[in-house]
Amino acid sequence: MANDNLMSFNGLVGLVARRWALVGLGLAGALALAITAVGHVPPRYETTASVVLLPPQSTVGPGGNPYLAMGGLDAATDVAAAGLSSQAVQQRVGELGATSTVVRDGSTAAPILLISVQASSARSASGALDILVDSVPSTLTSLQQSADVQPLAMMGSRLIASSPEPVMSRNPQLRVLVLALAGGAGTTLVLVAFVDRLLLRRRRRRAAAEDALHATPDERDRPRGGPGRSVEEELADLTVSDRRG
């Protein structure tokens, strides 16, 4: 296996050394196509927000601290995340050309919704994030009303963190660039290998034809390539093959 890999590597190096001009031309074309493809892929803008769920007033009590009574809200956070991922909310986000994910923040024990938005423009990302953040109270109210929860027993929410500005990410462009370059390089090597094989085959045919033309009379009459075949016959076959190639 190691010897086969070494031979393949040596063959590739030899191919590039023989046809470096063709390889360079192919790679230059692949780079140009990759740059063109990247130009058609806009960067992505990402922004996030964190919303904490607050326990109901009946649990906290008058003048109580809601942040000290957050136990048992993990399941409610998962339900709220599912509600914000509903088709109705996501349709409003999609109208801005954005995508979003809403999950419970697993990096903390607190009942926090982590909202992430990706869009092709900073304005769309900010607008979609506002839609999701504003939808948290109404989603919580709708879910609790459907379960006949009394107003004093309803949970609330509060925005605790948000990105000041959407952050531009060029990861989509980098992926397209890498894929285009890899595909272009592979296609270049395949085509150059095909051309190299044709040229080497033609060179061998011409060398054999020249050897036959400069052969001595004894060598011309000596059978080659098979029983009963003379050099003149081989030369004729080579000429016909060269014309067909």
C-alpha atoms as a PDB file:
ATOM      1  CA  MET A   1       0.000   0.000   0.000  1.00  0.00           C
ATOM      2  CA  ALA A   2       2.820   2.395   0.892  1.00  0.00           C
ATOM      3  CA  ASN A   3       4.648   1.591  -2.348  1.00  0.00           C
ATOM      4  CA  ASP A   4       1.481   2.208  -4.363  1.00  0.00           C
ATOM      5  CA  ASN A   5       0.975   5.578  -2.663  1.00  0.00           C
ATOM      6  CA  LEU A   6       4.623   6.489  -3.302  1.00  0.00           C
ATOM      7  CA  MET A   7       4.292   5.527  -6.975  1.00  0.00           C
ATOM      8  CA  SER A   8       1.098   7.544  -7.293  1.00  0.00           C
ATOM      9  CA  PHE A   9       2.767  10.541  -5.672  1.00  0.00           C
ATOM     10  CA  ASN A  10       5.821  10.205  -7.912  1.00  0.00           C
ATOM     11  CA  GLY A  11       3.567   9.910 -10.950  1.00  0.00           C
ATOM     12  CA  LEU A  12       1.720  13.064  -9.959  1.00  0.00           C
ATOM     13  CA  VAL A  13       4.977  14.937  -9.450  1.00  0.00           C
ATOM     14  CA  GLY A  14       6.239  13.744 -12.825  1.00  0.00           C
ATOM     15  CA  LEU A  15       3.018  14.813 -14.508  1.00  0.00           C
ATOM     16  CA  VAL A  16       3.220  18.311 -13.021  1.00  0.00           C
ATOM     17  CA  ALA A  17       6.898  18.566 -13.965  1.00  0.00           C
ATOM     18  CA  ARG A  18       6.234  17.552 -17.586  1.00  0.00           C
ATOM     19  CA  ARG A  19       3.112  19.640 -18.095  1.00  0.00           C
ATOM     20  CA  TRP A  20       3.700  22.510 -15.677  1.00  0.00           C
ATOM     21  CA  ALA A  21       2.464  25.050 -18.218  1.00  0.00           C
ATOM     22  CA  LEU A  22      -0.872  23.262 -18.646  1.00  0.00           C
ATOM     23  CA  VAL A  23      -1.202  22.734 -14.903  1.00  0.00           C
ATOM     24  CA  GLY A  24      -0.470  26.401 -14.216  1.00  0.00           C
ATOM     25  CA  LEU A  25      -2.989  27.498 -16.836  1.00  0.00           C
ATOM     26  CA  GLY A  26      -5.646  25.190 -15.402  1.00  0.00           C
ATOM     27  CA  LEU A  27      -5.045  26.352 -11.841  1.00  0.00           C
ATOM     28  CA  ALA A  28      -5.196  29.987 -12.922  1.00  0.00           C
ATOM     29  CA  GLY A  29      -8.542  29.309 -14.574  1.00  0.00           C
ATOM     30  CA  ALA A  30      -9.774  27.500 -11.458  1.00  0.00           C
ATOM     31  CA  LEU A  31      -8.743  30.455  -9.302  1.00  0.00           C
ATOM     32  CA  ALA A  32     -10.555  32.890 -11.591  1.00  0.00           C
ATOM     33  CA  LEU A  33     -13.721  30.782 -11.495  1.00  0.00           C
ATOM     34  CA  ALA A  34     -13.473  30.453  -7.704  1.00  0.00           C
ATOM     35  CA  ILE A  35     -13.168  34.215  -7.266  1.00  0.00           C
ATOM     36  CA  THR A  36     -16.156  34.712  -9.561  1.00  0.00           C
ATOM     37  CA  ALA A  37     -18.192  32.205  -7.562  1.00  0.00           C
ATOM     38  CA  VAL A  38     -17.274  33.894  -4.286  1.00  0.00           C
ATOM     39  CA  GLY A  39     -18.498  37.193  -5.717  1.00  0.00           C
ATOM     40  CA  HIS A  40     -21.965  35.689  -6.097  1.00  0.00           C
ATOM     41  CA  VAL A  41     -22.114  34.530  -2.462  1.00  0.00           C
ATOM     42  CA  PRO A  42     -22.844  37.370  -0.017  1.00  0.00           C
ATOM     43  CA  PRO A  43     -21.394  37.325   3.482  1.00  0.00           C
ATOM     44  CA  ARG A  44     -23.627  36.392   6.376  1.00  0.00           C
ATOM     45  CA  TYR A  45     -24.447  38.598   9.326  1.00  0.00           C
ATOM     46  CA  GLU A  46     -25.010  37.000  12.703  1.00  0.00           C
ATOM     47  CA  THR A  47     -26.529  38.431  15.860  1.00  0.00           C
ATOM     48  CA  THR A  48     -27.698  36.938  19.145  1.00  0.00           C
ATOM     49  CA  ALA A  49     -29.807  37.757  22.175  1.00  0.00           C
ATOM     50  CA  SER A  50     -30.450  36.115  25.545  1.00  0.00           C
ATOM     51  CA  VAL A  51     -33.860  36.211  27.202  1.00  0.00           C
ATOM     52  CA  VAL A  52     -34.387  34.879  30.726  1.00  0.00           C
ATOM     53  CA  LEU A  53     -37.675  33.389  31.870  1.00  0.00           C
ATOM     54  CA  LEU A  54     -38.983  34.729  35.175  1.00  0.00           C
ATOM     55  CA  PRO A  55     -41.080  32.769  37.646  1.00  0.00           C
ATOM     56  CA  PRO A  56     -44.684  33.883  38.270  1.00  0.00           C
ATOM     57  CA  GLN A  57     -45.471  36.547  40.844  1.00  0.00           C
ATOM     58  CA  SER A  58     -47.347  34.036  42.931  1.00  0.00           C
ATOM     59  CA  THR A  59     -44.127  32.087  43.394  1.00  0.00           C
ATOM     60  CA  VAL A  60     -41.881  35.081  44.079  1.00  0.00           C
ATOM     61  CA  GLY A  61     -44.249  36.894  46.415  1.00  0.00           C
ATOM     62  CA  PRO A  62     -44.506  40.641  47.016  1.00  0.00           C
ATOM     63  CA  GLY A  63     -41.081  42.254  46.974  1.00  0.00           C
ATOM     64  CA  GLY A  64     -39.397  38.906  46.285  1.00  0.00           C
ATOM     65  CA  ASN A  65     -36.353  38.356  44.062  1.00  0.00           C
ATOM     66  CA  PRO A  66     -37.358  36.434  40.928  1.00  0.00           C
ATOM     67  CA  TYR A  67     -33.755  35.420  40.216  1.00  0.00           C
ATOM     68  CA  LEU A  68     -33.734  33.374  43.425  1.00  0.00           C
ATOM     69  CA  ALA A  69     -36.785  31.348  42.420  1.00  0.00           C
ATOM     70  CA  MET A  70     -35.876  30.047  38.969  1.00  0.00           C
ATOM     71  CA  GLY A  71     -35.733  26.376  39.857  1.00  0.00           C
ATOM     72  CA  GLY A  72     -37.859  24.077  37.717  1.00  0.00           C
ATOM     73  CA  LEU A  73     -38.119  26.388  34.710  1.00  0.00           C
ATOM     74  CA  ASP A  74     -35.914  24.285  32.402  1.00  0.00           C
ATOM     75  CA  ALA A  75     -38.839  22.441  30.831  1.00  0.00           C
ATOM     76  CA  ALA A  76     -40.738  25.703  30.389  1.00  0.00           C
ATOM     77  CA  THR A  77     -37.716  27.155  28.593  1.00  0.00           C
ATOM     78  CA  ASP A  78     -37.689  24.255  26.131  1.00  0.00           C
ATOM     79  CA  VAL A  79     -41.403  24.721  25.489  1.00  0.00           C
ATOM     80  CA  ALA A  80     -40.916  28.452  24.882  1.00  0.00           C
ATOM     81  CA  ALA A  81     -38.076  27.707  22.445  1.00  0.00           C
ATOM     82  CA  ALA A  82     -40.364  25.356  20.531  1.00  0.00           C
ATOM     83  CA  GLY A  83     -43.064  28.031  20.422  1.00  0.00           C
ATOM     84  CA  LEU A  84     -40.645  30.590  18.964  1.00  0.00           C
ATOM     85  CA  SER A  85     -39.649  28.028  16.325  1.00  0.00           C
ATOM     86  CA  SER A  86     -43.224  27.713  15.123  1.00  0.00           C
ATOM     87  CA  GLN A  87     -44.095  28.267  11.487  1.00  0.00           C
ATOM     88  CA  ALA A  88     -45.882  31.548  12.150  1.00  0.00           C
ATOM     89  CA  VAL A  89     -42.871  33.158  13.838  1.00  0.00           C
ATOM     90  CA  GLN A  90     -40.336  31.713  11.424  1.00  0.00           C
ATOM     91  CA  GLN A  91     -42.374  32.924   8.460  1.00  0.00           C
ATOM     92  CA  ARG A  92     -42.027  36.513   9.675  1.00  0.00           C
ATOM     93  CA  VAL A  93     -38.291  35.958  10.077  1.00  0.00           C
ATOM     94  CA  GLY A  94     -38.042  34.404   6.633  1.00  0.00           C
ATOM     95  CA  GLU A  95     -39.741  37.392   5.018  1.00  0.00           C
ATOM     96  CA  LEU A  96     -36.637  39.385   5.928  1.00  0.00           C
ATOM     97  CA  GLY A  97     -34.387  36.815   4.263  1.00  0.00           C
ATOM     98  CA  ALA A  98     -33.101  35.563   7.605  1.00  0.00           C
ATOM     99  CA  THR A  99     -32.876  32.260   9.424  1.00  0.00           C
ATOM    100  CA  SER A 100     -32.876  31.695  13.156  1.00  0.00           C
ATOM    101  CA  THR A 101     -32.436  29.184  15.924  1.00  0.00           C
ATOM    102  CA  VAL A 102     -33.938  29.379  19.410  1.00  0.00           C
ATOM    103  CA  VAL A 103     -32.662  26.978  22.067  1.00  0.00           C
ATOM    104  CA  ARG A 104     -32.199  26.811  25.802  1.00  0.00           C
ATOM    105  CA  ASP A 105     -28.747  28.061  26.731  1.00  0.00           C
ATOM    106  CA  GLY A 106     -26.985  24.918  27.884  1.00  0.00           C
ATOM    107  CA  SER A 107     -23.965  26.811  29.200  1.00  0.00           C
ATOM    108  CA  THR A 108     -25.871  27.966  32.278  1.00  0.00           C
ATOM    109  CA  ALA A 109     -28.290  26.489  34.792  1.00  0.00           C
ATOM    110  CA  ALA A 110     -30.606  29.489  34.447  1.00  0.00           C
ATOM    111  CA  PRO A 111     -33.740  29.284  32.230  1.00  0.00           C
ATOM    112  CA  ILE A 112     -32.320  31.391  29.381  1.00  0.00           C
ATOM    113  CA  LEU A 113     -33.408  31.378  25.757  1.00  0.00           C
ATOM    114  CA  LEU A 114     -30.507  31.810  23.331  1.00  0.00           C
ATOM    115  CA  ILE A 115     -31.720  33.401  20.098  1.00  0.00           C
ATOM    116  CA  SER A 116     -29.408  33.382  17.063  1.00  0.00           C
ATOM    117  CA  VAL A 117     -30.136  35.000  13.712  1.00  0.00           C
ATOM    118  CA  GLN A 118     -28.295  34.802  10.390  1.00  0.00           C
ATOM    119  CA  ALA A 119     -29.073  37.010   7.391  1.00  0.00           C
ATOM    120  CA  SER A 120     -27.468  38.365   4.238  1.00  0.00           C
ATOM    121  CA  SER A 121     -27.518  41.942   5.538  1.00  0.00           C
ATOM    122  CA  ALA A 122     -27.024  43.596   8.905  1.00  0.00           C
ATOM    123  CA  ARG A 123     -30.418  45.285   8.664  1.00  0.00           C
ATOM    124  CA  SER A 124     -32.236  42.009   8.062  1.00  0.00           C
ATOM    125  CA  ALA A 125     -30.396  40.329  10.929  1.00  0.00           C
ATOM    126  CA  SER A 126     -31.296  43.115  13.356  1.00  0.00           C
ATOM    127  CA  GLY A 127     -34.914  43.186  12.208  1.00  0.00           C
ATOM    128  CA  ALA A 128     -35.315  39.428  12.554  1.00  0.00           C
ATOM    129  CA  LEU A 129     -33.786  39.481  16.037  1.00  0.00           C
ATOM    130  CA  ASP A 130     -36.221  42.185  17.104  1.00  0.00           C
ATOM    131  CA  ILE A 131     -39.121  40.074  15.860  1.00  0.00           C
ATOM    132  CA  LEU A 132     -38.007  37.076  17.889  1.00  0.00           C
ATOM    133  CA  VAL A 133     -37.260  39.014  21.066  1.00  0.00           C
ATOM    134  CA  ASP A 134     -40.600  40.816  20.858  1.00  0.00           C
ATOM    135  CA  SER A 135     -42.354  37.479  20.283  1.00  0.00           C
ATOM    136  CA  VAL A 136     -41.138  35.934  23.549  1.00  0.00           C
ATOM    137  CA  PRO A 137     -43.773  37.565  25.861  1.00  0.00           C
ATOM    138  CA  SER A 138     -46.665  36.921  23.502  1.00  0.00           C
ATOM    139  CA  THR A 139     -45.538  33.327  22.920  1.00  0.00           C
ATOM    140  CA  LEU A 140     -45.306  32.673  26.656  1.00  0.00           C
ATOM    141  CA  THR A 141     -48.742  34.205  27.225  1.00  0.00           C
ATOM    142  CA  SER A 142     -50.312  32.171  24.429  1.00  0.00           C
ATOM    143  CA  LEU A 143     -48.801  28.905  25.670  1.00  0.00           C
ATOM    144  CA  GLN A 144     -49.934  29.508  29.244  1.00  0.00           C
ATOM    145  CA  GLN A 145     -53.406  30.661  28.298  1.00  0.00           C
ATOM    146  CA  SER A 146     -53.880  27.484  26.275  1.00  0.00           C
ATOM    147  CA  ALA A 147     -53.129  25.578  29.488  1.00  0.00           C
ATOM    148  CA  ASP A 148     -55.656  27.702  31.501  1.00  0.00           C
ATOM    149  CA  VAL A 149     -52.932  29.214  33.672  1.00  0.00           C
ATOM    150  CA  GLN A 150     -54.170  32.035  35.885  1.00  0.00           C
ATOM    151  CA  PRO A 151     -52.601  35.489  35.340  1.00  0.00           C
ATOM    152  CA  LEU A 152     -50.867  35.534  38.736  1.00  0.00           C
ATOM    153  CA  ALA A 153     -49.307  32.133  37.974  1.00  0.00           C
ATOM    154  CA  MET A 154     -47.950  33.070  34.557  1.00  0.00           C
ATOM    155  CA  MET A 155     -44.240  33.238  33.860  1.00  0.00           C
ATOM    156  CA  GLY A 156     -42.648  36.340  32.410  1.00  0.00           C
ATOM    157  CA  SER A 157     -39.453  37.146  30.501  1.00  0.00           C
ATOM    158  CA  ARG A 158     -36.742  39.756  30.313  1.00  0.00           C
ATOM    159  CA  LEU A 159     -34.046  40.572  27.773  1.00  0.00           C
ATOM    160  CA  ILE A 160     -30.682  40.360  29.536  1.00  0.00           C
ATOM    161  CA  ALA A 161     -28.162  40.506  26.669  1.00  0.00           C
ATOM    162  CA  SER A 162     -28.063  41.354  22.978  1.00  0.00           C
ATOM    163  CA  SER A 163     -25.411  41.905  20.332  1.00  0.00           C
ATOM    164  CA  PRO A 164     -24.811  45.643  19.842  1.00  0.00           C
ATOM    165  CA  GLU A 165     -24.361  45.150  16.093  1.00  0.00           C
ATOM    166  CA  PRO A 166     -24.566  42.140  13.776  1.00  0.00           C
ATOM    167  CA  VAL A 167     -21.199  40.522  13.130  1.00  0.00           C
ATOM    168  CA  MET A 168     -20.221  39.779   9.531  1.00  0.00           C
ATOM    169  CA  SER A 169     -19.141  36.215   8.810  1.00  0.00           C
ATOM    170  CA  ARG A 170     -17.363  35.190   5.595  1.00  0.00           C
ATOM    171  CA  ASN A 171     -17.600  31.463   6.283  1.00  0.00           C
ATOM    172  CA  PRO A 172     -20.033  30.851   3.377  1.00  0.00           C
ATOM    173  CA  GLN A 173     -17.646  32.585   0.986  1.00  0.00           C
ATOM    174  CA  LEU A 174     -14.675  30.623   2.316  1.00  0.00           C
ATOM    175  CA  ARG A 175     -16.544  27.341   1.850  1.00  0.00           C
ATOM    176  CA  VAL A 176     -17.381  28.218  -1.748  1.00  0.00           C
ATOM    177  CA  LEU A 177     -13.772  29.272  -2.385  1.00  0.00           C
ATOM    178  CA  VAL A 178     -12.338  26.033  -1.002  1.00  0.00           C
ATOM    179  CA  LEU A 179     -14.834  23.848  -2.880  1.00  0.00           C
ATOM    180  CA  ALA A 180     -14.286  25.710  -6.153  1.00  0.00           C
ATOM    181  CA  LEU A 181     -10.490  25.537  -5.859  1.00  0.00           C
ATOM    182  CA  ALA A 182     -10.541  21.850  -4.944  1.00  0.00           C
ATOM    183  CA  GLY A 183     -12.890  21.030  -7.813  1.00  0.00           C
ATOM    184  CA  GLY A 184     -10.890  23.132 -10.274  1.00  0.00           C
ATOM    185  CA  ALA A 185      -7.581  21.589  -9.212  1.00  0.00           C
ATOM    186  CA  GLY A 186      -8.976  18.069  -9.494  1.00  0.00           C
ATOM    187  CA  THR A 187     -10.470  18.745 -12.918  1.00  0.00           C
ATOM    188  CA  THR A 188      -7.204  20.316 -14.076  1.00  0.00           C
ATOM    189  CA  LEU A 189      -5.158  17.278 -13.053  1.00  0.00           C
ATOM    190  CA  VAL A 190      -7.567  14.867 -14.718  1.00  0.00           C
ATOM    191  CA  LEU A 191      -7.542  16.796 -18.005  1.00  0.00           C
ATOM    192  CA  VAL A 192      -3.763  17.282 -17.955  1.00  0.00           C
ATOM    193  CA  ALA A 193      -3.265  13.568 -17.279  1.00  0.00           C
ATOM    194  CA  PHE A 194      -5.478  12.747 -20.276  1.00  0.00           C
ATOM    195  CA  VAL A 195      -3.573  15.138 -22.552  1.00  0.00           C
ATOM    196  CA  ASP A 196      -0.259  13.837 -21.221  1.00  0.00           C
ATOM    197  CA  ARG A 197      -1.218  10.279 -22.049  1.00  0.00           C
ATOM    198  CA  LEU A 198      -2.162  11.219 -25.604  1.00  0.00           C
ATOM    199  CA  LEU A 199       1.059  13.145 -26.166  1.00  0.00           C
ATOM    200  CA  LEU A 200       3.254  10.388 -24.745  1.00  0.00           C
ATOM    201  CA  ARG A 201       1.505   7.804 -26.882  1.00  0.00           C
ATOM    202  CA  ARG A 202       2.014   9.882 -30.015  1.00  0.00           C
ATOM    203  CA  ARG A 203       5.662  10.455 -29.126  1.00  0.00           C
ATOM    204  CA  ARG A 204       6.254   6.714 -28.754  1.00  0.00           C
ATOM    205  CA  ARG A 205       4.610   6.034 -32.105  1.00  0.00           C
ATOM    206  CA  ARG A 206       6.773   8.600 -33.848  1.00  0.00           C
ATOM    207  CA  ALA A 207       9.922   7.253 -32.182  1.00  0.00           C
ATOM    208  CA  ALA A 208       9.057   3.743 -33.331  1.00  0.00           C
ATOM    209  CA  ALA A 209       8.415   5.015 -36.856  1.00  0.00           C
ATOM    210  CA  GLU A 210      11.763   6.829 -36.960  1.00  0.00           C
ATOM    211  CA  ASP A 211      13.570   3.727 -35.688  1.00  0.00           C
ATOM    212  CA  ALA A 212      11.949   1.701 -38.450  1.00  0.00           C
ATOM    213  CA  LEU A 213      12.978   4.203 -41.134  1.00  0.00           C
ATOM    214  CA  HIS A 214      16.624   4.199 -40.005  1.00  0.00           C
ATOM    215  CA  ALA A 215      16.854   0.449 -39.528  1.00  0.00           C
ATOM    216  CA  THR A 216      19.368  -1.594 -41.598  1.00  0.00           C
ATOM    217  CA  PRO A 217      18.111  -4.061 -44.234  1.00  0.00           C
ATOM    218  CA  ASP A 218      18.790  -6.954 -41.863  1.00  0.00           C
ATOM    219  CA  GLU A 219      16.826  -5.260 -39.123  1.00  0.00           C
ATOM    220  CA  ARG A 220      13.994  -4.529 -41.540  1.00  0.00           C
ATOM    221  CA  ASP A 221      13.693  -8.218 -42.406  1.00  0.00           C
ATOM    222  CA  ARG A 222      13.943  -9.319 -38.776  1.00  0.00           C
ATOM    223  CA  PRO A 223      10.518 -10.122 -37.285  1.00  0.00           C
ATOM    224  CA  ARG A 224       9.404  -7.753 -34.466  1.00  0.00           C
ATOM    225  CA  GLY A 225       6.375  -7.514 -32.305  1.00  0.00           C
ATOM    226  CA  GLY A 226       5.197 -10.970 -33.226  1.00  0.00           C
ATOM    227  CA  PRO A 227       5.954 -13.966 -35.399  1.00  0.00           C
ATOM    228  CA  GLY A 228       6.191 -13.317 -39.113  1.00  0.00           C
ATOM    229  CA  ARG A 229       5.972  -9.463 -38.865  1.00  0.00           C
ATOM    230  CA  SER A 230       8.618  -7.294 -40.496  1.00  0.00           C
ATOM    231  CA  VAL A 231       9.564  -3.718 -39.686  1.00  0.00           C
ATOM    232  CA  GLU A 232       7.781  -2.481 -42.825  1.00  0.00           C
ATOM    233  CA  GLU A 233       4.545  -4.036 -41.597  1.00  0.00           C
ATOM    234  CA  GLU A 234       4.928  -2.492 -38.171  1.00  0.00           C
ATOM    235  CA  LEU A 235       5.715   0.883 -39.757  1.00  0.00           C
ATOM    236  CA  ALA A 236       2.577   0.680 -41.871  1.00  0.00           C
ATOM    237  CA  ASP A 237       0.482  -0.159 -38.797  1.00  0.00           C
ATOM    238  CA  LEU A 238       2.032   2.727 -36.863  1.00  0.00           C
ATOM    239  CA  THR A 239       1.304   5.151 -39.694  1.00  0.00           C
ATOM    240  CA  VAL A 240      -2.332   4.055 -39.882  1.00  0.00           C
ATOM    241  CA  SER A 241      -2.694   4.278 -36.100  1.00  0.00           C
ATOM    242  CA  ASP A 242      -1.132   7.731 -36.043  1.00  0.00           C
ATOM    243  CA  ARG A 243      -3.566   8.966 -38.702  1.00  0.00           C
ATOM    244  CA  ARG A 244      -6.528   7.565 -36.786  1.00  0.00           C
ATOM    245  CA  GLY A 245      -5.269   9.123 -33.504  1.00  0.00           C
END
